[in-house]
Amino acid sequence: MPRYEFRCRACGDTFEVVRPMSEASAPSTCPQGHADTVKLLSAIAVTGRGAGAPIGPAAPSGGGCCGGACGC
């Protein structure tokens, strides 16, 4: 199950909650009992690349400034 990071606006604590993706938007109470919390954005990026896929910019495909459509 995914982990979601929250920060409490009342006490400043940062804490994690493990819950299903279907409950990702649900509010959470901090361990101190405060209800004024905000979900933080994750710093982890997930891509659709499979194992062994090259890292970096994609190789150019097509020619010219518009992918070859104008014949340049």
PDB file of N, CA and C in Angstrom:
ATOM      1  N   MET A   1       0.839  -1.177   0.000  1.00  0.00           N
ATOM      2  CA  MET A   1       0.000   0.000   0.000  1.00  0.00           C
ATOM      3  C   MET A   1       0.882   1.238   0.000  1.00  0.00           C
ATOM      4  N   PRO A   2       0.435   2.298  -0.674  1.00  0.00           N
ATOM      5  CA  PRO A   2       1.227   3.526  -0.724  1.00  0.00           C
ATOM      6  C   PRO A   2       1.253   4.264   0.615  1.00  0.00           C
ATOM      7  N   ARG A   3       2.309   5.036   0.783  1.00  0.00           N
ATOM      8  CA  ARG A   3       2.462   5.891   1.966  1.00  0.00           C
ATOM      9  C   ARG A   3       2.217   7.331   1.548  1.00  0.00           C
ATOM     10  N   TYR A   4       1.517   8.061   2.378  1.00  0.00           N
ATOM     11  CA  TYR A   4       1.244   9.468   2.121  1.00  0.00           C
ATOM     12  C   TYR A   4       1.792  10.272   3.284  1.00  0.00           C
ATOM     13  N   GLU A   5       2.475  11.368   2.962  1.00  0.00           N
ATOM     14  CA  GLU A   5       3.085  12.207   3.987  1.00  0.00           C
ATOM     15  C   GLU A   5       2.187  13.413   4.246  1.00  0.00           C
ATOM     16  N   PHE A   6       1.978  13.697   5.524  1.00  0.00           N
ATOM     17  CA  PHE A   6       1.147  14.820   5.951  1.00  0.00           C
ATOM     18  C   PHE A   6       1.942  15.713   6.884  1.00  0.00           C
ATOM     19  N   ARG A   7       1.556  16.977   6.974  1.00  0.00           N
ATOM     20  CA  ARG A   7       2.113  17.899   7.951  1.00  0.00           C
ATOM     21  C   ARG A   7       0.958  18.522   8.716  1.00  0.00           C
ATOM     22  N   CYS A   8       1.130  18.584  10.029  1.00  0.00           N
ATOM     23  CA  CYS A   8       0.120  19.188  10.902  1.00  0.00           C
ATOM     24  C   CYS A   8       0.358  20.692  10.960  1.00  0.00           C
ATOM     25  N   ARG A   9      -0.667  21.459  10.675  1.00  0.00           N
ATOM     26  CA  ARG A   9      -0.539  22.922  10.732  1.00  0.00           C
ATOM     27  C   ARG A   9      -0.531  23.433  12.159  1.00  0.00           C
ATOM     28  N   ALA A  10      -1.091  22.674  13.082  1.00  0.00           N
ATOM     29  CA  ALA A  10      -1.165  23.113  14.474  1.00  0.00           C
ATOM     30  C   ALA A  10       0.167  22.948  15.209  1.00  0.00           C
ATOM     31  N   CYS A  11       0.798  21.765  15.064  1.00  0.00           N
ATOM     32  CA  CYS A  11       2.031  21.515  15.826  1.00  0.00           C
ATOM     33  C   CYS A  11       3.283  21.399  14.949  1.00  0.00           C
ATOM     34  N   GLY A  12       3.123  21.328  13.620  1.00  0.00           N
ATOM     35  CA  GLY A  12       4.266  21.267  12.717  1.00  0.00           C
ATOM     36  C   GLY A  12       4.836  19.879  12.488  1.00  0.00           C
ATOM     37  N   ASP A  13       4.273  18.846  13.147  1.00  0.00           N
ATOM     38  CA  ASP A  13       4.762  17.486  12.944  1.00  0.00           C
ATOM     39  C   ASP A  13       4.528  17.028  11.510  1.00  0.00           C
ATOM     40  N   THR A  14       5.461  16.250  10.981  1.00  0.00           N
ATOM     41  CA  THR A  14       5.305  15.591   9.690  1.00  0.00           C
ATOM     42  C   THR A  14       5.171  14.107   9.977  1.00  0.00           C
ATOM     43  N   PHE A  15       4.189  13.455   9.362  1.00  0.00           N
ATOM     44  CA  PHE A  15       3.947  12.041   9.634  1.00  0.00           C
ATOM     45  C   PHE A  15       3.457  11.345   8.374  1.00  0.00           C
ATOM     46  N   GLU A  16       3.593  10.016   8.352  1.00  0.00           N
ATOM     47  CA  GLU A  16       3.170   9.210   7.211  1.00  0.00           C
ATOM     48  C   GLU A  16       1.916   8.422   7.558  1.00  0.00           C
ATOM     49  N   VAL A  17       1.103   8.208   6.542  1.00  0.00           N
ATOM     50  CA  VAL A  17      -0.095   7.391   6.675  1.00  0.00           C
ATOM     51  C   VAL A  17      -0.061   6.359   5.550  1.00  0.00           C
ATOM     52  N   VAL A  18      -0.255   5.098   5.883  1.00  0.00           N
ATOM     53  CA  VAL A  18      -0.327   4.028   4.890  1.00  0.00           C
ATOM     54  C   VAL A  18      -1.792   3.719   4.675  1.00  0.00           C
ATOM     55  N   ARG A  19      -2.240   3.887   3.417  1.00  0.00           N
ATOM     56  CA  ARG A  19      -3.647   3.653   3.095  1.00  0.00           C
ATOM     57  C   ARG A  19      -3.777   3.325   1.621  1.00  0.00           C
ATOM     58  N   PRO A  20      -4.896   2.726   1.221  1.00  0.00           N
ATOM     59  CA  PRO A  20      -5.095   2.416  -0.198  1.00  0.00           C
ATOM     60  C   PRO A  20      -5.198   3.681  -1.042  1.00  0.00           C
ATOM     61  N   MET A  21      -4.887   3.558  -2.326  1.00  0.00           N
ATOM     62  CA  MET A  21      -4.951   4.713  -3.231  1.00  0.00           C
ATOM     63  C   MET A  21      -6.361   5.291  -3.295  1.00  0.00           C
ATOM     64  N   SER A  22      -7.371   4.466  -3.098  1.00  0.00           N
ATOM     65  CA  SER A  22      -8.751   4.947  -3.138  1.00  0.00           C
ATOM     66  C   SER A  22      -9.041   5.938  -2.014  1.00  0.00           C
ATOM     67  N   GLU A  23      -8.200   5.958  -0.979  1.00  0.00           N
ATOM     68  CA  GLU A  23      -8.374   6.882   0.146  1.00  0.00           C
ATOM     69  C   GLU A  23      -7.286   7.957   0.176  1.00  0.00           C
ATOM     70  N   ALA A  24      -6.609   8.174  -0.945  1.00  0.00           N
ATOM     71  CA  ALA A  24      -5.490   9.121  -0.998  1.00  0.00           C
ATOM     72  C   ALA A  24      -5.895  10.535  -0.614  1.00  0.00           C
ATOM     73  N   SER A  25      -7.101  10.957  -0.953  1.00  0.00           N
ATOM     74  CA  SER A  25      -7.538  12.331  -0.681  1.00  0.00           C
ATOM     75  C   SER A  25      -8.181  12.505   0.687  1.00  0.00           C
ATOM     76  N   ALA A  26      -8.373  11.424   1.401  1.00  0.00           N
ATOM     77  CA  ALA A  26      -9.049  11.507   2.699  1.00  0.00           C
ATOM     78  C   ALA A  26      -8.209  12.301   3.693  1.00  0.00           C
ATOM     79  N   PRO A  27      -8.847  13.113   4.533  1.00  0.00           N
ATOM     80  CA  PRO A  27      -8.096  13.860   5.551  1.00  0.00           C
ATOM     81  C   PRO A  27      -7.499  12.909   6.586  1.00  0.00           C
ATOM     82  N   SER A  28      -6.499  13.384   7.299  1.00  0.00           N
ATOM     83  CA  SER A  28      -5.851  12.574   8.322  1.00  0.00           C
ATOM     84  C   SER A  28      -5.607  13.425   9.565  1.00  0.00           C
ATOM     85  N   THR A  29      -5.694  12.801  10.718  1.00  0.00           N
ATOM     86  CA  THR A  29      -5.424  13.466  11.992  1.00  0.00           C
ATOM     87  C   THR A  29      -3.985  13.164  12.390  1.00  0.00           C
ATOM     88  N   CYS A  30      -3.277  14.164  12.902  1.00  0.00           N
ATOM     89  CA  CYS A  30      -1.882  13.954  13.300  1.00  0.00           C
ATOM     90  C   CYS A  30      -1.808  13.097  14.560  1.00  0.00           C
ATOM     91  N   PRO A  31      -0.647  12.514  14.848  1.00  0.00           N
ATOM     92  CA  PRO A  31      -0.499  11.670  16.035  1.00  0.00           C
ATOM     93  C   PRO A  31      -0.815  12.398  17.350  1.00  0.00           C
ATOM     94  N   GLN A  32      -0.726  13.732  17.340  1.00  0.00           N
ATOM     95  CA  GLN A  32      -1.038  14.517  18.539  1.00  0.00           C
ATOM     96  C   GLN A  32      -2.532  14.783  18.678  1.00  0.00           C
ATOM     97  N   GLY A  33      -3.320  14.380  17.640  1.00  0.00           N
ATOM     98  CA  GLY A  33      -4.776  14.545  17.703  1.00  0.00           C
ATOM     99  C   GLY A  33      -5.316  15.766  16.983  1.00  0.00           C
ATOM    100  N   HIS A  34      -4.455  16.544  16.326  1.00  0.00           N
ATOM    101  CA  HIS A  34      -4.915  17.735  15.598  1.00  0.00           C
ATOM    102  C   HIS A  34      -5.498  17.328  14.243  1.00  0.00           C
ATOM    103  N   ALA A  35      -6.577  17.984  13.856  1.00  0.00           N
ATOM    104  CA  ALA A  35      -7.239  17.652  12.591  1.00  0.00           C
ATOM    105  C   ALA A  35      -6.807  18.559  11.446  1.00  0.00           C
ATOM    106  N   ASP A  36      -6.107  19.659  11.744  1.00  0.00           N
ATOM    107  CA  ASP A  36      -5.714  20.615  10.701  1.00  0.00           C
ATOM    108  C   ASP A  36      -4.406  20.160  10.062  1.00  0.00           C
ATOM    109  N   THR A  37      -4.518  19.224   9.110  1.00  0.00           N
ATOM    110  CA  THR A  37      -3.335  18.682   8.442  1.00  0.00           C
ATOM    111  C   THR A  37      -3.434  18.905   6.947  1.00  0.00           C
ATOM    112  N   VAL A  38      -2.291  18.837   6.283  1.00  0.00           N
ATOM    113  CA  VAL A  38      -2.223  19.001   4.834  1.00  0.00           C
ATOM    114  C   VAL A  38      -1.358  17.876   4.261  1.00  0.00           C
ATOM    115  N   LYS A  39      -1.807  17.297   3.147  1.00  0.00           N
ATOM    116  CA  LYS A  39      -1.047  16.239   2.482  1.00  0.00           C
ATOM    117  C   LYS A  39       0.083  16.879   1.693  1.00  0.00           C
ATOM    118  N   LEU A  40       1.294  16.350   1.842  1.00  0.00           N
ATOM    119  CA  LEU A  40       2.463  16.882   1.151  1.00  0.00           C
ATOM    120  C   LEU A  40       2.656  16.164  -0.177  1.00  0.00           C
ATOM    121  N   LEU A  41       3.275  16.843  -1.116  1.00  0.00           N
ATOM    122  CA  LEU A  41       3.597  16.227  -2.399  1.00  0.00           C
ATOM    123  C   LEU A  41       4.829  15.360  -2.233  1.00  0.00           C
ATOM    124  N   SER A  42       4.819  14.225  -2.877  1.00  0.00           N
ATOM    125  CA  SER A  42       5.937  13.298  -2.794  1.00  0.00           C
ATOM    126  C   SER A  42       7.063  13.759  -3.707  1.00  0.00           C
ATOM    127  N   ALA A  43       8.290  13.496  -3.294  1.00  0.00           N
ATOM    128  CA  ALA A  43       9.443  13.837  -4.120  1.00  0.00           C
ATOM    129  C   ALA A  43       9.822  12.689  -5.044  1.00  0.00           C
ATOM    130  N   ILE A  44       9.105  11.576  -4.959  1.00  0.00           N
ATOM    131  CA  ILE A  44       9.399  10.406  -5.780  1.00  0.00           C
ATOM    132  C   ILE A  44       8.612  10.509  -7.080  1.00  0.00           C
ATOM    133  N   ALA A  45       9.303  10.354  -8.190  1.00  0.00           N
ATOM    134  CA  ALA A  45       8.655  10.392  -9.500  1.00  0.00           C
ATOM    135  C   ALA A  45       8.514   8.971 -10.022  1.00  0.00           C
ATOM    136  N   VAL A  46       7.364   8.669 -10.559  1.00  0.00           N
ATOM    137  CA  VAL A  46       7.125   7.355 -11.129  1.00  0.00           C
ATOM    138  C   VAL A  46       6.948   7.532 -12.625  1.00  0.00           C
ATOM    139  N   THR A  47       7.698   6.750 -13.397  1.00  0.00           N
ATOM    140  CA  THR A  47       7.589   6.838 -14.851  1.00  0.00           C
ATOM    141  C   THR A  47       7.100   5.516 -15.402  1.00  0.00           C
ATOM    142  N   GLY A  48       6.708   5.520 -16.652  1.00  0.00           N
ATOM    143  CA  GLY A  48       6.219   4.314 -17.282  1.00  0.00           C
ATOM    144  C   GLY A  48       7.306   3.496 -17.943  1.00  0.00           C
ATOM    145  N   ARG A  49       8.549   3.821 -17.720  1.00  0.00           N
ATOM    146  CA  ARG A  49       9.649   3.099 -18.353  1.00  0.00           C
ATOM    147  C   ARG A  49       9.854   1.762 -17.666  1.00  0.00           C
ATOM    148  N   GLY A  50      10.115   0.758 -18.443  1.00  0.00           N
ATOM    149  CA  GLY A  50      10.400  -0.565 -17.906  1.00  0.00           C
ATOM    150  C   GLY A  50      11.855  -0.688 -17.513  1.00  0.00           C
ATOM    151  N   ALA A  51      12.203  -1.807 -16.929  1.00  0.00           N
ATOM    152  CA  ALA A  51      13.587  -2.046 -16.532  1.00  0.00           C
ATOM    153  C   ALA A  51      14.476  -2.080 -17.762  1.00  0.00           C
ATOM    154  N   GLY A  52      15.625  -1.487 -17.666  1.00  0.00           N
ATOM    155  CA  GLY A  52      16.586  -1.483 -18.762  1.00  0.00           C
ATOM    156  C   GLY A  52      16.348  -0.384 -19.780  1.00  0.00           C
ATOM    157  N   ALA A  53      15.324   0.426 -19.606  1.00  0.00           N
ATOM    158  CA  ALA A  53      15.071   1.522 -20.543  1.00  0.00           C
ATOM    159  C   ALA A  53      16.142   2.588 -20.362  1.00  0.00           C
ATOM    160  N   PRO A  54      16.592   3.202 -21.445  1.00  0.00           N
ATOM    161  CA  PRO A  54      17.622   4.233 -21.311  1.00  0.00           C
ATOM    162  C   PRO A  54      17.102   5.441 -20.536  1.00  0.00           C
ATOM    163  N   ILE A  55      17.996   6.059 -19.798  1.00  0.00           N
ATOM    164  CA  ILE A  55      17.656   7.260 -19.045  1.00  0.00           C
ATOM    165  C   ILE A  55      18.163   8.456 -19.826  1.00  0.00           C
ATOM    166  N   GLY A  56      17.357   9.496 -19.905  1.00  0.00           N
ATOM    167  CA  GLY A  56      17.763  10.701 -20.617  1.00  0.00           C
ATOM    168  C   GLY A  56      16.738  11.048 -21.667  1.00  0.00           C
ATOM    169  N   PRO A  57      17.030  12.087 -22.459  1.00  0.00           N
ATOM    170  CA  PRO A  57      16.069  12.522 -23.460  1.00  0.00           C
ATOM    171  C   PRO A  57      15.869  11.463 -24.537  1.00  0.00           C
ATOM    172  N   ALA A  58      14.678  11.447 -25.081  1.00  0.00           N
ATOM    173  CA  ALA A  58      14.366  10.484 -26.141  1.00  0.00           C
ATOM    174  C   ALA A  58      15.114  10.863 -27.406  1.00  0.00           C
ATOM    175  N   ALA A  59      15.433   9.875 -28.198  1.00  0.00           N
ATOM    176  CA  ALA A  59      16.109  10.123 -29.481  1.00  0.00           C
ATOM    177  C   ALA A  59      15.146  10.804 -30.437  1.00  0.00           C
ATOM    178  N   PRO A  60      15.648  11.725 -31.265  1.00  0.00           N
ATOM    179  CA  PRO A  60      14.768  12.411 -32.208  1.00  0.00           C
ATOM    180  C   PRO A  60      14.115  11.413 -33.160  1.00  0.00           C
ATOM    181  N   SER A  61      12.862  11.663 -33.467  1.00  0.00           N
ATOM    182  CA  SER A  61      12.158  10.791 -34.411  1.00  0.00           C
ATOM    183  C   SER A  61      11.482  11.665 -35.452  1.00  0.00           C
ATOM    184  N   GLY A  62      11.867  11.581 -36.648  1.00  0.00           N
ATOM    185  CA  GLY A  62      11.300  12.449 -37.678  1.00  0.00           C
ATOM    186  C   GLY A  62      12.302  13.508 -38.032  1.00  0.00           C
ATOM    187  N   GLY A  63      11.983  14.293 -39.040  1.00  0.00           N
ATOM    188  CA  GLY A  63      12.955  15.275 -39.466  1.00  0.00           C
ATOM    189  C   GLY A  63      12.423  16.689 -39.389  1.00  0.00           C
ATOM    190  N   GLY A  64      13.314  17.622 -39.368  1.00  0.00           N
ATOM    191  CA  GLY A  64      12.950  19.027 -39.438  1.00  0.00           C
ATOM    192  C   GLY A  64      12.305  19.575 -38.177  1.00  0.00           C
ATOM    193  N   CYS A  65      11.808  20.777 -38.350  1.00  0.00           N
ATOM    194  CA  CYS A  65      11.263  21.520 -37.214  1.00  0.00           C
ATOM    195  C   CYS A  65       9.897  21.022 -36.776  1.00  0.00           C
ATOM    196  N   CYS A  66       9.184  20.332 -37.649  1.00  0.00           N
ATOM    197  CA  CYS A  66       7.826  19.919 -37.312  1.00  0.00           C
ATOM    198  C   CYS A  66       7.648  18.394 -37.456  1.00  0.00           C
ATOM    199  N   GLY A  67       8.725  17.655 -37.334  1.00  0.00           N
ATOM    200  CA  GLY A  67       8.634  16.220 -37.426  1.00  0.00           C
ATOM    201  C   GLY A  67       8.532  15.702 -38.851  1.00  0.00           C
ATOM    202  N   GLY A  68       8.849  16.523 -39.817  1.00  0.00           N
ATOM    203  CA  GLY A  68       8.846  16.103 -41.207  1.00  0.00           C
ATOM    204  C   GLY A  68       7.572  16.423 -41.975  1.00  0.00           C
ATOM    205  N   ALA A  69       6.576  16.988 -41.321  1.00  0.00           N
ATOM    206  CA  ALA A  69       5.293  17.246 -41.976  1.00  0.00           C
ATOM    207  C   ALA A  69       5.384  18.342 -43.036  1.00  0.00           C
ATOM    208  N   CYS A  70       6.322  19.283 -42.888  1.00  0.00           N
ATOM    209  CA  CYS A  70       6.399  20.383 -43.860  1.00  0.00           C
ATOM    210  C   CYS A  70       7.469  20.140 -44.918  1.00  0.00           C
ATOM    211  N   GLY A  71       8.215  19.044 -44.821  1.00  0.00           N
ATOM    212  CA  GLY A  71       9.227  18.728 -45.819  1.00  0.00           C
ATOM    213  C   GLY A  71      10.546  19.475 -45.620  1.00  0.00           C
ATOM    214  N   CYS A  72      10.768  20.095 -44.479  1.00  0.00           N
ATOM    215  CA  CYS A  72      12.014  20.818 -44.274  1.00  0.00           C
ATOM    216  C   CYS A  72      13.154  19.948 -43.871  1.00  0.00           C
TER     217      CYS A  72
END
